[in-house]
PDB file of N, CA and C in Angstrom:
ATOM      1  N   MET A   1     -16.032   3.844  21.686  1.00  0.00           N
ATOM      2  CA  MET A   1     -16.024   2.522  21.678  1.00  0.00           C
ATOM      3  C   MET A   1     -15.639   1.959  22.982  1.00  0.00           C
ATOM      4  N   ASN A   2     -15.858   0.557  22.919  1.00  0.00           N
ATOM      5  CA  ASN A   2     -15.938   0.074  24.542  1.00  0.00           C
ATOM      6  C   ASN A   2     -14.514  -0.650  24.269  1.00  0.00           C
ATOM      7  N   SER A   3     -13.711  -0.696  25.381  1.00  0.00           N
ATOM      8  CA  SER A   3     -12.699  -1.164  25.612  1.00  0.00           C
ATOM      9  C   SER A   3     -12.124  -2.278  25.223  1.00  0.00           C
ATOM     10  N   LYS A   4     -12.773  -3.324  25.226  1.00  0.00           N
ATOM     11  CA  LYS A   4     -12.542  -4.678  24.849  1.00  0.00           C
ATOM     12  C   LYS A   4     -12.653  -4.484  23.108  1.00  0.00           C
ATOM     13  N   LYS A   5     -13.554  -3.943  22.661  1.00  0.00           N
ATOM     14  CA  LYS A   5     -13.499  -3.756  21.084  1.00  0.00           C
ATOM     15  C   LYS A   5     -12.113  -3.149  21.041  1.00  0.00           C
ATOM     16  N   ASN A   6     -11.856  -1.986  21.469  1.00  0.00           N
ATOM     17  CA  ASN A   6     -10.624  -1.241  21.092  1.00  0.00           C
ATOM     18  C   ASN A   6      -9.251  -1.748  21.263  1.00  0.00           C
ATOM     19  N   ALA A   7      -9.121  -2.636  22.333  1.00  0.00           N
ATOM     20  CA  ALA A   7      -8.363  -3.131  22.788  1.00  0.00           C
ATOM     21  C   ALA A   7      -7.874  -4.506  21.624  1.00  0.00           C
ATOM     22  N   GLU A   8      -8.932  -5.145  20.925  1.00  0.00           N
ATOM     23  CA  GLU A   8      -8.733  -5.868  19.953  1.00  0.00           C
ATOM     24  C   GLU A   8      -8.252  -5.269  18.720  1.00  0.00           C
ATOM     25  N   GLN A   9      -8.742  -4.022  18.637  1.00  0.00           N
ATOM     26  CA  GLN A   9      -8.631  -3.117  17.423  1.00  0.00           C
ATOM     27  C   GLN A   9      -7.205  -2.724  17.348  1.00  0.00           C
ATOM     28  N   VAL A  10      -6.856  -2.603  18.630  1.00  0.00           N
ATOM     29  CA  VAL A  10      -4.979  -2.077  18.699  1.00  0.00           C
ATOM     30  C   VAL A  10      -4.225  -3.404  18.516  1.00  0.00           C
ATOM     31  N   ALA A  11      -4.567  -4.507  19.216  1.00  0.00           N
ATOM     32  CA  ALA A  11      -3.855  -5.883  18.759  1.00  0.00           C
ATOM     33  C   ALA A  11      -3.886  -6.176  17.212  1.00  0.00           C
ATOM     34  N   ARG A  12      -5.056  -6.088  16.586  1.00  0.00           N
ATOM     35  CA  ARG A  12      -5.209  -5.847  15.133  1.00  0.00           C
ATOM     36  C   ARG A  12      -3.930  -5.239  14.703  1.00  0.00           C
ATOM     37  N   TYR A  13      -4.281  -4.180  14.845  1.00  0.00           N
ATOM     38  CA  TYR A  13      -3.297  -3.265  14.145  1.00  0.00           C
ATOM     39  C   TYR A  13      -1.922  -3.506  14.433  1.00  0.00           C
ATOM     40  N   ALA A  14      -1.452  -3.732  15.798  1.00  0.00           N
ATOM     41  CA  ALA A  14      -0.051  -3.994  15.998  1.00  0.00           C
ATOM     42  C   ALA A  14       0.252  -4.954  15.255  1.00  0.00           C
ATOM     43  N   ASP A  15      -0.302  -6.204  15.353  1.00  0.00           N
ATOM     44  CA  ASP A  15      -0.378  -7.504  14.334  1.00  0.00           C
ATOM     45  C   ASP A  15       0.326  -7.143  12.591  1.00  0.00           C
ATOM     46  N   MET A  16      -0.463  -6.002  12.081  1.00  0.00           N
ATOM     47  CA  MET A  16      -0.327  -5.415  10.803  1.00  0.00           C
ATOM     48  C   MET A  16       1.145  -4.869  10.871  1.00  0.00           C
ATOM     49  N   PHE A  17       1.304  -3.749  11.957  1.00  0.00           N
ATOM     50  CA  PHE A  17       2.543  -3.089  11.479  1.00  0.00           C
ATOM     51  C   PHE A  17       3.494  -3.883  12.261  1.00  0.00           C
ATOM     52  N   SER A  18       3.523  -5.167  12.643  1.00  0.00           N
ATOM     53  CA  SER A  18       4.530  -6.150  12.980  1.00  0.00           C
ATOM     54  C   SER A  18       4.738  -6.674  11.716  1.00  0.00           C
ATOM     55  N   ALA A  19       3.862  -7.056  11.009  1.00  0.00           N
ATOM     56  CA  ALA A  19       3.844  -7.906   9.570  1.00  0.00           C
ATOM     57  C   ALA A  19       4.754  -6.938   8.689  1.00  0.00           C
ATOM     58  N   MET A  20       4.276  -5.830   8.839  1.00  0.00           N
ATOM     59  CA  MET A  20       5.452  -4.743   7.450  1.00  0.00           C
ATOM     60  C   MET A  20       6.534  -4.583   8.561  1.00  0.00           C
ATOM     61  N   GLY A  21       6.882  -4.961   9.508  1.00  0.00           N
ATOM     62  CA  GLY A  21       8.072  -4.418  10.232  1.00  0.00           C
ATOM     63  C   GLY A  21       9.514  -4.791   9.956  1.00  0.00           C
ATOM     64  N   THR A  22       9.727  -5.354   8.516  1.00  0.00           N
ATOM     65  CA  THR A  22      10.928  -5.826   8.346  1.00  0.00           C
ATOM     66  C   THR A  22      11.221  -5.094   6.813  1.00  0.00           C
ATOM     67  N   GLU A  23      12.438  -4.850   6.365  1.00  0.00           N
ATOM     68  CA  GLU A  23      12.371  -4.322   5.568  1.00  0.00           C
ATOM     69  C   GLU A  23      12.116  -4.735   4.300  1.00  0.00           C
ATOM     70  N   ALA A  24      12.357  -6.266   3.990  1.00  0.00           N
ATOM     71  CA  ALA A  24      12.021  -6.873   2.735  1.00  0.00           C
ATOM     72  C   ALA A  24      10.068  -6.718   2.735  1.00  0.00           C
ATOM     73  N   ARG A  25       9.293  -7.019   3.792  1.00  0.00           N
ATOM     74  CA  ARG A  25       7.986  -6.969   3.830  1.00  0.00           C
ATOM     75  C   ARG A  25       7.368  -5.249   3.630  1.00  0.00           C
ATOM     76  N   LEU A  26       8.305  -4.620   3.935  1.00  0.00           N
ATOM     77  CA  LEU A  26       7.873  -2.918   3.826  1.00  0.00           C
ATOM     78  C   LEU A  26       8.316  -2.689   2.312  1.00  0.00           C
ATOM     79  N   ARG A  27       9.561  -3.364   1.635  1.00  0.00           N
ATOM     80  CA  ARG A  27       9.660  -3.126   0.104  1.00  0.00           C
ATOM     81  C   ARG A  27       8.721  -3.754  -0.543  1.00  0.00           C
ATOM     82  N   ILE A  28       8.281  -5.011  -0.186  1.00  0.00           N
ATOM     83  CA  ILE A  28       7.025  -5.760  -0.828  1.00  0.00           C
ATOM     84  C   ILE A  28       5.673  -4.562  -0.944  1.00  0.00           C
ATOM     85  N   MET A  29       5.291  -4.452   0.232  1.00  0.00           N
ATOM     86  CA  MET A  29       4.232  -3.338   0.187  1.00  0.00           C
ATOM     87  C   MET A  29       4.457  -2.023  -0.579  1.00  0.00           C
ATOM     88  N   GLN A  30       5.489  -1.413  -0.479  1.00  0.00           N
ATOM     89  CA  GLN A  30       5.485  -0.438  -1.454  1.00  0.00           C
ATOM     90  C   GLN A  30       5.461  -0.576  -3.090  1.00  0.00           C
ATOM     91  N   LEU A  31       6.318  -2.103  -3.318  1.00  0.00           N
ATOM     92  CA  LEU A  31       6.285  -2.474  -4.807  1.00  0.00           C
ATOM     93  C   LEU A  31       4.631  -2.603  -4.903  1.00  0.00           C
ATOM     94  N   LEU A  32       3.674  -3.349  -4.363  1.00  0.00           N
ATOM     95  CA  LEU A  32       2.379  -3.634  -4.618  1.00  0.00           C
ATOM     96  C   LEU A  32       1.525  -2.605  -4.817  1.00  0.00           C
ATOM     97  N   LEU A  33       1.689  -1.366  -3.753  1.00  0.00           N
ATOM     98  CA  LEU A  33       1.248   0.016  -3.835  1.00  0.00           C
ATOM     99  C   LEU A  33       1.457   0.452  -5.061  1.00  0.00           C
ATOM    100  N   LYS A  34       2.721   0.119  -5.631  1.00  0.00           N
ATOM    101  CA  LYS A  34       3.166   1.080  -7.044  1.00  0.00           C
ATOM    102  C   LYS A  34       2.326   0.461  -8.009  1.00  0.00           C
ATOM    103  N   ALA A  35       2.067  -1.122  -7.631  1.00  0.00           N
ATOM    104  CA  ALA A  35       1.501  -1.678  -8.938  1.00  0.00           C
ATOM    105  C   ALA A  35      -0.007  -1.821  -8.885  1.00  0.00           C
ATOM    106  N   HIS A  36      -0.470  -1.045  -7.966  1.00  0.00           N
ATOM    107  CA  HIS A  36      -1.855  -1.063  -7.606  1.00  0.00           C
ATOM    108  C   HIS A  36      -2.629  -0.137  -8.852  1.00  0.00           C
ATOM    109  N   PRO A  37      -3.882  -0.799  -9.303  1.00  0.00           N
ATOM    110  CA  PRO A  37      -4.636  -1.951  -8.389  1.00  0.00           C
ATOM    111  C   PRO A  37      -4.339  -3.395  -9.113  1.00  0.00           C
ATOM    112  N   GLU A  38      -3.522  -3.623 -10.121  1.00  0.00           N
ATOM    113  CA  GLU A  38      -3.546  -4.850 -11.107  1.00  0.00           C
ATOM    114  C   GLU A  38      -2.489  -5.696 -10.149  1.00  0.00           C
ATOM    115  N   GLY A  39      -1.691  -5.156  -9.238  1.00  0.00           N
ATOM    116  CA  GLY A  39      -0.739  -5.986  -8.365  1.00  0.00           C
ATOM    117  C   GLY A  39       0.410  -6.531  -9.200  1.00  0.00           C
ATOM    118  N   LEU A  40       1.212  -7.652  -8.585  1.00  0.00           N
ATOM    119  CA  LEU A  40       2.211  -8.194  -9.316  1.00  0.00           C
ATOM    120  C   LEU A  40       2.111  -9.736  -9.331  1.00  0.00           C
ATOM    121  N   VAL A  41       2.647 -10.828 -10.085  1.00  0.00           N
ATOM    122  CA  VAL A  41       2.913 -12.003 -10.017  1.00  0.00           C
ATOM    123  C   VAL A  41       4.103 -12.160  -8.801  1.00  0.00           C
ATOM    124  N   VAL A  42       4.185 -13.458  -8.618  1.00  0.00           N
ATOM    125  CA  VAL A  42       5.204 -13.609  -7.472  1.00  0.00           C
ATOM    126  C   VAL A  42       6.396 -13.368  -8.136  1.00  0.00           C
ATOM    127  N   GLY A  43       6.580 -13.908  -9.316  1.00  0.00           N
ATOM    128  CA  GLY A  43       8.136 -13.545 -10.469  1.00  0.00           C
ATOM    129  C   GLY A  43       8.434 -12.266 -10.344  1.00  0.00           C
ATOM    130  N   GLU A  44       7.350 -11.479 -10.704  1.00  0.00           N
ATOM    131  CA  GLU A  44       7.775 -10.237 -10.765  1.00  0.00           C
ATOM    132  C   GLU A  44       8.040  -9.422  -9.502  1.00  0.00           C
ATOM    133  N   ILE A  45       7.652  -9.842  -8.458  1.00  0.00           N
ATOM    134  CA  ILE A  45       8.092  -9.133  -7.381  1.00  0.00           C
ATOM    135  C   ILE A  45       9.538  -9.764  -7.054  1.00  0.00           C
ATOM    136  N   GLN A  46       9.701 -10.949  -7.156  1.00  0.00           N
ATOM    137  CA  GLN A  46      10.935 -11.548  -7.046  1.00  0.00           C
ATOM    138  C   GLN A  46      12.119 -10.977  -7.972  1.00  0.00           C
ATOM    139  N   GLU A  47      11.848 -10.777  -9.253  1.00  0.00           N
ATOM    140  CA  GLU A  47      12.960 -10.127 -10.233  1.00  0.00           C
ATOM    141  C   GLU A  47      12.998  -8.487  -9.449  1.00  0.00           C
ATOM    142  N   GLU A  48      12.032  -8.051  -9.157  1.00  0.00           N
ATOM    143  CA  GLU A  48      12.537  -6.350  -8.632  1.00  0.00           C
ATOM    144  C   GLU A  48      12.745  -6.417  -7.438  1.00  0.00           C
ATOM    145  N   LEU A  49      12.883  -7.564  -6.400  1.00  0.00           N
ATOM    146  CA  LEU A  49      13.212  -7.064  -5.048  1.00  0.00           C
ATOM    147  C   LEU A  49      14.465  -7.963  -4.659  1.00  0.00           C
ATOM    148  N   GLU A  50      14.826  -8.939  -5.655  1.00  0.00           N
ATOM    149  CA  GLU A  50      15.789 -10.101  -5.971  1.00  0.00           C
ATOM    150  C   GLU A  50      15.772 -10.759  -4.426  1.00  0.00           C
ATOM    151  N   ILE A  51      14.515 -11.142  -3.998  1.00  0.00           N
ATOM    152  CA  ILE A  51      14.479 -12.047  -2.920  1.00  0.00           C
ATOM    153  C   ILE A  51      14.436 -13.278  -3.141  1.00  0.00           C
ATOM    154  N   PRO A  52      15.219 -14.565  -2.398  1.00  0.00           N
ATOM    155  CA  PRO A  52      15.063 -15.605  -2.756  1.00  0.00           C
ATOM    156  C   PRO A  52      13.517 -16.274  -2.772  1.00  0.00           C
ATOM    157  N   ASN A  53      13.320 -16.903  -3.762  1.00  0.00           N
ATOM    158  CA  ASN A  53      11.806 -17.584  -3.780  1.00  0.00           C
ATOM    159  C   ASN A  53      11.320 -18.047  -2.398  1.00  0.00           C
ATOM    160  N   SER A  54      12.007 -19.030  -1.539  1.00  0.00           N
ATOM    161  CA  SER A  54      11.465 -19.391  -0.230  1.00  0.00           C
ATOM    162  C   SER A  54      11.418 -18.120   0.564  1.00  0.00           C
ATOM    163  N   THR A  55      12.043 -17.773   0.687  1.00  0.00           N
ATOM    164  CA  THR A  55      12.166 -15.978   1.411  1.00  0.00           C
ATOM    165  C   THR A  55      10.728 -15.722   1.315  1.00  0.00           C
ATOM    166  N   LEU A  56      10.846 -14.983  -0.214  1.00  0.00           N
ATOM    167  CA  LEU A  56       9.683 -14.339  -0.557  1.00  0.00           C
ATOM    168  C   LEU A  56       8.237 -14.760  -0.335  1.00  0.00           C
ATOM    169  N   SER A  57       8.151 -16.368  -0.460  1.00  0.00           N
ATOM    170  CA  SER A  57       7.087 -16.774   0.092  1.00  0.00           C
ATOM    171  C   SER A  57       6.693 -17.052   1.557  1.00  0.00           C
ATOM    172  N   HIS A  58       7.698 -16.778   2.204  1.00  0.00           N
ATOM    173  CA  HIS A  58       7.356 -16.427   3.869  1.00  0.00           C
ATOM    174  C   HIS A  58       7.033 -15.296   4.073  1.00  0.00           C
ATOM    175  N   HIS A  59       7.570 -14.334   3.281  1.00  0.00           N
ATOM    176  CA  HIS A  59       7.132 -12.915   3.534  1.00  0.00           C
ATOM    177  C   HIS A  59       5.779 -12.526   2.787  1.00  0.00           C
ATOM    178  N   LEU A  60       5.146 -13.137   1.721  1.00  0.00           N
ATOM    179  CA  LEU A  60       4.166 -12.869   1.511  1.00  0.00           C
ATOM    180  C   LEU A  60       3.043 -13.439   2.279  1.00  0.00           C
ATOM    181  N   ASP A  61       3.289 -14.879   2.391  1.00  0.00           N
ATOM    182  CA  ASP A  61       2.402 -15.317   3.828  1.00  0.00           C
ATOM    183  C   ASP A  61       2.109 -14.420   4.909  1.00  0.00           C
ATOM    184  N   LYS A  62       3.218 -13.754   5.567  1.00  0.00           N
ATOM    185  CA  LYS A  62       2.920 -13.516   6.477  1.00  0.00           C
ATOM    186  C   LYS A  62       1.926 -11.917   6.454  1.00  0.00           C
ATOM    187  N   LEU A  63       2.199 -11.165   5.314  1.00  0.00           N
ATOM    188  CA  LEU A  63       1.370 -10.246   4.828  1.00  0.00           C
ATOM    189  C   LEU A  63       0.197 -10.774   4.540  1.00  0.00           C
ATOM    190  N   ARG A  64      -0.242 -11.486   3.998  1.00  0.00           N
ATOM    191  CA  ARG A  64      -1.367 -12.329   3.538  1.00  0.00           C
ATOM    192  C   ARG A  64      -2.162 -12.725   4.771  1.00  0.00           C
ATOM    193  N   ASN A  65      -1.208 -13.447   5.694  1.00  0.00           N
ATOM    194  CA  ASN A  65      -2.235 -13.654   7.156  1.00  0.00           C
ATOM    195  C   ASN A  65      -2.671 -12.699   7.585  1.00  0.00           C
ATOM    196  N   GLU A  66      -1.940 -11.302   7.361  1.00  0.00           N
ATOM    197  CA  GLU A  66      -2.355 -10.273   8.407  1.00  0.00           C
ATOM    198  C   GLU A  66      -3.371  -9.390   7.806  1.00  0.00           C
ATOM    199  N   GLY A  67      -3.764  -9.921   6.667  1.00  0.00           N
ATOM    200  CA  GLY A  67      -4.700  -8.735   5.542  1.00  0.00           C
ATOM    201  C   GLY A  67      -4.062  -7.973   4.961  1.00  0.00           C
ATOM    202  N   LEU A  68      -2.952  -7.871   4.996  1.00  0.00           N
ATOM    203  CA  LEU A  68      -2.467  -6.590   4.069  1.00  0.00           C
ATOM    204  C   LEU A  68      -2.376  -6.657   2.630  1.00  0.00           C
ATOM    205  N   VAL A  69      -2.530  -8.030   2.223  1.00  0.00           N
ATOM    206  CA  VAL A  69      -2.374  -8.489   0.670  1.00  0.00           C
ATOM    207  C   VAL A  69      -3.079  -9.124   0.291  1.00  0.00           C
ATOM    208  N   ASN A  70      -3.731  -9.309  -0.642  1.00  0.00           N
ATOM    209  CA  ASN A  70      -4.747 -10.350  -1.292  1.00  0.00           C
ATOM    210  C   ASN A  70      -4.180 -11.094  -2.668  1.00  0.00           C
ATOM    211  N   VAL A  71      -4.591 -12.378  -2.382  1.00  0.00           N
ATOM    212  CA  VAL A  71      -3.750 -13.432  -3.605  1.00  0.00           C
ATOM    213  C   VAL A  71      -4.739 -13.939  -4.356  1.00  0.00           C
ATOM    214  N   ARG A  72      -4.751 -13.959  -5.558  1.00  0.00           N
ATOM    215  CA  ARG A  72      -5.494 -14.642  -6.502  1.00  0.00           C
ATOM    216  C   ARG A  72      -4.884 -15.689  -7.717  1.00  0.00           C
ATOM    217  N   ARG A  73      -5.290 -16.685  -7.601  1.00  0.00           N
ATOM    218  CA  ARG A  73      -4.218 -17.857  -8.734  1.00  0.00           C
ATOM    219  C   ARG A  73      -4.884 -17.288  -9.826  1.00  0.00           C
ATOM    220  N   GLU A  74      -4.086 -17.050 -10.718  1.00  0.00           N
ATOM    221  CA  GLU A  74      -4.048 -17.036 -12.632  1.00  0.00           C
ATOM    222  C   GLU A  74      -3.199 -18.183 -13.328  1.00  0.00           C
ATOM    223  N   SER A  75      -4.029 -19.127 -13.420  1.00  0.00           N
ATOM    224  CA  SER A  75      -3.323 -20.002 -14.296  1.00  0.00           C
ATOM    225  C   SER A  75      -2.259 -20.584 -13.375  1.00  0.00           C
ATOM    226  N   THR A  76      -1.339 -20.495 -13.736  1.00  0.00           N
ATOM    227  CA  THR A  76      -0.237 -21.272 -12.643  1.00  0.00           C
ATOM    228  C   THR A  76       0.629 -20.165 -11.826  1.00  0.00           C
ATOM    229  N   PHE A  77      -0.087 -18.875 -11.855  1.00  0.00           N
ATOM    230  CA  PHE A  77       0.612 -17.804 -11.136  1.00  0.00           C
ATOM    231  C   PHE A  77      -0.078 -17.444 -10.221  1.00  0.00           C
ATOM    232  N   LEU A  78       0.412 -16.925  -9.034  1.00  0.00           N
ATOM    233  CA  LEU A  78      -0.201 -16.181  -8.011  1.00  0.00           C
ATOM    234  C   LEU A  78       0.060 -14.855  -8.226  1.00  0.00           C
ATOM    235  N   ARG A  79      -1.213 -14.005  -8.155  1.00  0.00           N
ATOM    236  CA  ARG A  79      -0.994 -12.480  -8.295  1.00  0.00           C
ATOM    237  C   ARG A  79      -1.110 -11.858  -7.045  1.00  0.00           C
ATOM    238  N   TYR A  80      -0.332 -11.120  -6.308  1.00  0.00           N
ATOM    239  CA  TYR A  80      -0.786 -10.474  -5.277  1.00  0.00           C
ATOM    240  C   TYR A  80      -0.751  -8.852  -5.679  1.00  0.00           C
ATOM    241  N   THR A  81      -1.889  -8.324  -4.855  1.00  0.00           N
ATOM    242  CA  THR A  81      -2.263  -7.093  -4.695  1.00  0.00           C
ATOM    243  C   THR A  81      -2.536  -6.502  -3.167  1.00  0.00           C
ATOM    244  N   ALA A  82      -1.887  -4.990  -3.205  1.00  0.00           N
ATOM    245  CA  ALA A  82      -2.112  -4.505  -1.750  1.00  0.00           C
ATOM    246  C   ALA A  82      -3.406  -4.666  -1.338  1.00  0.00           C
ATOM    247  N   ASN A  83      -3.677  -4.716   0.003  1.00  0.00           N
ATOM    248  CA  ASN A  83      -5.340  -4.746   0.205  1.00  0.00           C
ATOM    249  C   ASN A  83      -5.470  -3.286   0.892  1.00  0.00           C
ATOM    250  N   VAL A  84      -5.657  -2.158  -0.198  1.00  0.00           N
ATOM    251  CA  VAL A  84      -5.716  -0.862   0.466  1.00  0.00           C
ATOM    252  C   VAL A  84      -6.858  -0.631   1.454  1.00  0.00           C
ATOM    253  N   GLU A  85      -8.013  -1.508   1.634  1.00  0.00           N
ATOM    254  CA  GLU A  85      -9.049  -1.078   2.567  1.00  0.00           C
ATOM    255  C   GLU A  85      -8.159  -1.434   3.811  1.00  0.00           C
ATOM    256  N   ALA A  86      -7.492  -2.275   4.143  1.00  0.00           N
ATOM    257  CA  ALA A  86      -6.838  -2.677   5.096  1.00  0.00           C
ATOM    258  C   ALA A  86      -5.598  -1.494   5.856  1.00  0.00           C
ATOM    259  N   LEU A  87      -4.960  -1.155   4.647  1.00  0.00           N
ATOM    260  CA  LEU A  87      -4.222  -0.199   4.843  1.00  0.00           C
ATOM    261  C   LEU A  87      -4.831   1.222   4.988  1.00  0.00           C
ATOM    262  N   GLN A  88      -5.639   1.481   4.696  1.00  0.00           N
ATOM    263  CA  GLN A  88      -6.606   2.653   5.128  1.00  0.00           C
ATOM    264  C   GLN A  88      -6.800   2.642   6.169  1.00  0.00           C
ATOM    265  N   GLU A  89      -7.560   1.363   6.927  1.00  0.00           N
ATOM    266  CA  GLU A  89      -8.066   1.327   8.132  1.00  0.00           C
ATOM    267  C   GLU A  89      -6.887   1.568   9.233  1.00  0.00           C
ATOM    268  N   VAL A  90      -5.831   1.021   8.744  1.00  0.00           N
ATOM    269  CA  VAL A  90      -4.593   1.131  10.034  1.00  0.00           C
ATOM    270  C   VAL A  90      -4.054   2.720  10.072  1.00  0.00           C
ATOM    271  N   LEU A  91      -4.140   3.414   8.717  1.00  0.00           N
ATOM    272  CA  LEU A  91      -3.812   4.747   8.690  1.00  0.00           C
ATOM    273  C   LEU A  91      -4.610   5.819   9.146  1.00  0.00           C
ATOM    274  N   GLN A  92      -6.267   5.243   9.225  1.00  0.00           N
ATOM    275  CA  GLN A  92      -7.461   6.167   9.727  1.00  0.00           C
ATOM    276  C   GLN A  92      -7.156   5.755  11.480  1.00  0.00           C
ATOM    277  N   PHE A  93      -6.792   4.663  11.763  1.00  0.00           N
ATOM    278  CA  PHE A  93      -6.532   4.655  13.282  1.00  0.00           C
ATOM    279  C   PHE A  93      -5.292   5.516  13.796  1.00  0.00           C
ATOM    280  N   LEU A  94      -4.174   5.617  12.806  1.00  0.00           N
ATOM    281  CA  LEU A  94      -3.299   6.821  13.596  1.00  0.00           C
ATOM    282  C   LEU A  94      -3.576   7.946  13.192  1.00  0.00           C
ATOM    283  N   TYR A  95      -4.276   8.250  12.150  1.00  0.00           N
ATOM    284  CA  TYR A  95      -4.502   9.412  12.047  1.00  0.00           C
ATOM    285  C   TYR A  95      -5.377  10.314  13.083  1.00  0.00           C
ATOM    286  N   ALA A  96      -6.507   9.360  13.454  1.00  0.00           N
ATOM    287  CA  ALA A  96      -7.189   9.731  14.385  1.00  0.00           C
ATOM    288  C   ALA A  96      -6.454   9.912  15.729  1.00  0.00           C
ATOM    289  N   GLU A  97      -5.960   9.127  16.382  1.00  0.00           N
ATOM    290  CA  GLU A  97      -5.169   9.359  17.178  1.00  0.00           C
ATOM    291  C   GLU A  97      -4.069  10.718  17.432  1.00  0.00           C
ATOM    292  N   CYS A  98      -3.409  10.802  16.402  1.00  0.00           N
ATOM    293  CA  CYS A  98      -2.227  11.832  16.090  1.00  0.00           C
ATOM    294  C   CYS A  98      -2.890  13.032  15.791  1.00  0.00           C
ATOM    295  N   CYS A  99      -4.072  12.913  14.791  1.00  0.00           N
ATOM    296  CA  CYS A  99      -4.173  14.158  14.054  1.00  0.00           C
ATOM    297  C   CYS A  99      -5.598  14.807  14.394  1.00  0.00           C
ATOM    298  N   THR A 100      -6.226  13.934  15.212  1.00  0.00           N
ATOM    299  CA  THR A 100      -7.470  14.787  15.349  1.00  0.00           C
ATOM    300  C   THR A 100      -7.951  14.778  17.240  1.00  0.00           C
ATOM    301  N   ARG A 101      -7.728  13.754  17.713  1.00  0.00           N
ATOM    302  CA  ARG A 101      -7.921  13.871  19.234  1.00  0.00           C
ATOM    303  C   ARG A 101      -6.972  15.056  20.095  1.00  0.00           C
ATOM    304  N   ASN A 102      -5.831  14.650  19.814  1.00  0.00           N
ATOM    305  CA  ASN A 102      -5.152  15.503  20.585  1.00  0.00           C
ATOM    306  C   ASN A 102      -3.942  16.413  19.774  1.00  0.00           C
ATOM    307  N   LYS A 103      -4.218  16.528  18.282  1.00  0.00           N
ATOM    308  CA  LYS A 103      -3.674  17.135  17.468  1.00  0.00           C
ATOM    309  C   LYS A 103      -1.753  17.446  17.626  1.00  0.00           C
ATOM    310  N   ALA A 104      -1.612  15.992  17.953  1.00  0.00           N
ATOM    311  CA  ALA A 104      -0.114  15.909  18.240  1.00  0.00           C
ATOM    312  C   ALA A 104       0.509  16.271  16.830  1.00  0.00           C
ATOM    313  N   VAL A 105       0.074  16.007  15.744  1.00  0.00           N
ATOM    314  CA  VAL A 105       0.592  16.301  14.349  1.00  0.00           C
ATOM    315  C   VAL A 105      -0.351  17.077  13.874  1.00  0.00           C
ATOM    316  N   LYS A 106      -0.246  18.181  12.970  1.00  0.00           N
ATOM    317  CA  LYS A 106      -0.919  18.717  12.421  1.00  0.00           C
ATOM    318  C   LYS A 106      -1.331  18.133  10.910  1.00  0.00           C
ATOM    319  N   PRO A 107      -2.697  17.943  10.743  1.00  0.00           N
ATOM    320  CA  PRO A 107      -2.899  17.400   9.380  1.00  0.00           C
ATOM    321  C   PRO A 107      -2.418  17.774   8.563  1.00  0.00           C
ATOM    322  N   GLN A 108      -2.644  18.996   8.516  1.00  0.00           N
ATOM    323  CA  GLN A 108      -1.607  19.638   6.929  1.00  0.00           C
ATOM    324  C   GLN A 108      -0.500  19.433   6.834  1.00  0.00           C
ATOM    325  N   SER A 109       0.473  18.613   7.541  1.00  0.00           N
ATOM    326  CA  SER A 109       1.680  18.437   7.399  1.00  0.00           C
ATOM    327  C   SER A 109       1.497  16.934   6.916  1.00  0.00           C
ATOM    328  N   ILE A 110       0.726  16.542   6.862  1.00  0.00           N
ATOM    329  CA  ILE A 110       0.758  14.980   6.696  1.00  0.00           C
ATOM    330  C   ILE A 110       0.401  14.926   5.208  1.00  0.00           C
ATOM    331  N   VAL A 111      -1.001  15.623   4.756  1.00  0.00           N
ATOM    332  CA  VAL A 111      -1.436  15.752   3.583  1.00  0.00           C
ATOM    333  C   VAL A 111      -0.724  15.852   2.288  1.00  0.00           C
ATOM    334  N   PRO A 112       0.125  17.110   2.375  1.00  0.00           N
ATOM    335  CA  PRO A 112       1.301  16.917   1.700  1.00  0.00           C
ATOM    336  C   PRO A 112       2.171  15.963   0.957  1.00  0.00           C
ATOM    337  N   ILE A 113       2.533  14.823   2.184  1.00  0.00           N
ATOM    338  CA  ILE A 113       3.238  13.702   1.990  1.00  0.00           C
ATOM    339  C   ILE A 113       2.676  12.763   0.867  1.00  0.00           C
ATOM    340  N   CYS A 114       1.109  13.005   0.950  1.00  0.00           N
ATOM    341  CA  CYS A 114       0.616  12.125   0.225  1.00  0.00           C
ATOM    342  C   CYS A 114       0.026  12.275  -1.400  1.00  0.00           C
ATOM    343  N   LYS A 115       0.581  13.645  -1.701  1.00  0.00           N
ATOM    344  CA  LYS A 115       0.122  14.074  -3.253  1.00  0.00           C
ATOM    345  C   LYS A 115       1.521  13.560  -4.013  1.00  0.00           C
TER     346      LYS A 115
END
């Protein structure tokens, strides 16, 4: 991979990690992953996490802008789902760096966490 493309990719992943870098946004991601593939409407997220509507809207916008969640309108509701393809991509990036190239982490120590 050329260094310019790699630098762009690393910058994109850094932005994705930054977007998930607050407790509230990480909790939103966790909740949406639990609700996958159906996702949740904003009211359900708000009820579950007890985040004020204006704050929740800000967090959801940040996650959407970084491509971590998808949103679609259903009548008067907005339904959010985790963008599992984006999450898979960022996890593969980390996995490649830590578990295959230099074996800093043994792959078998990660797989049991995922079960």
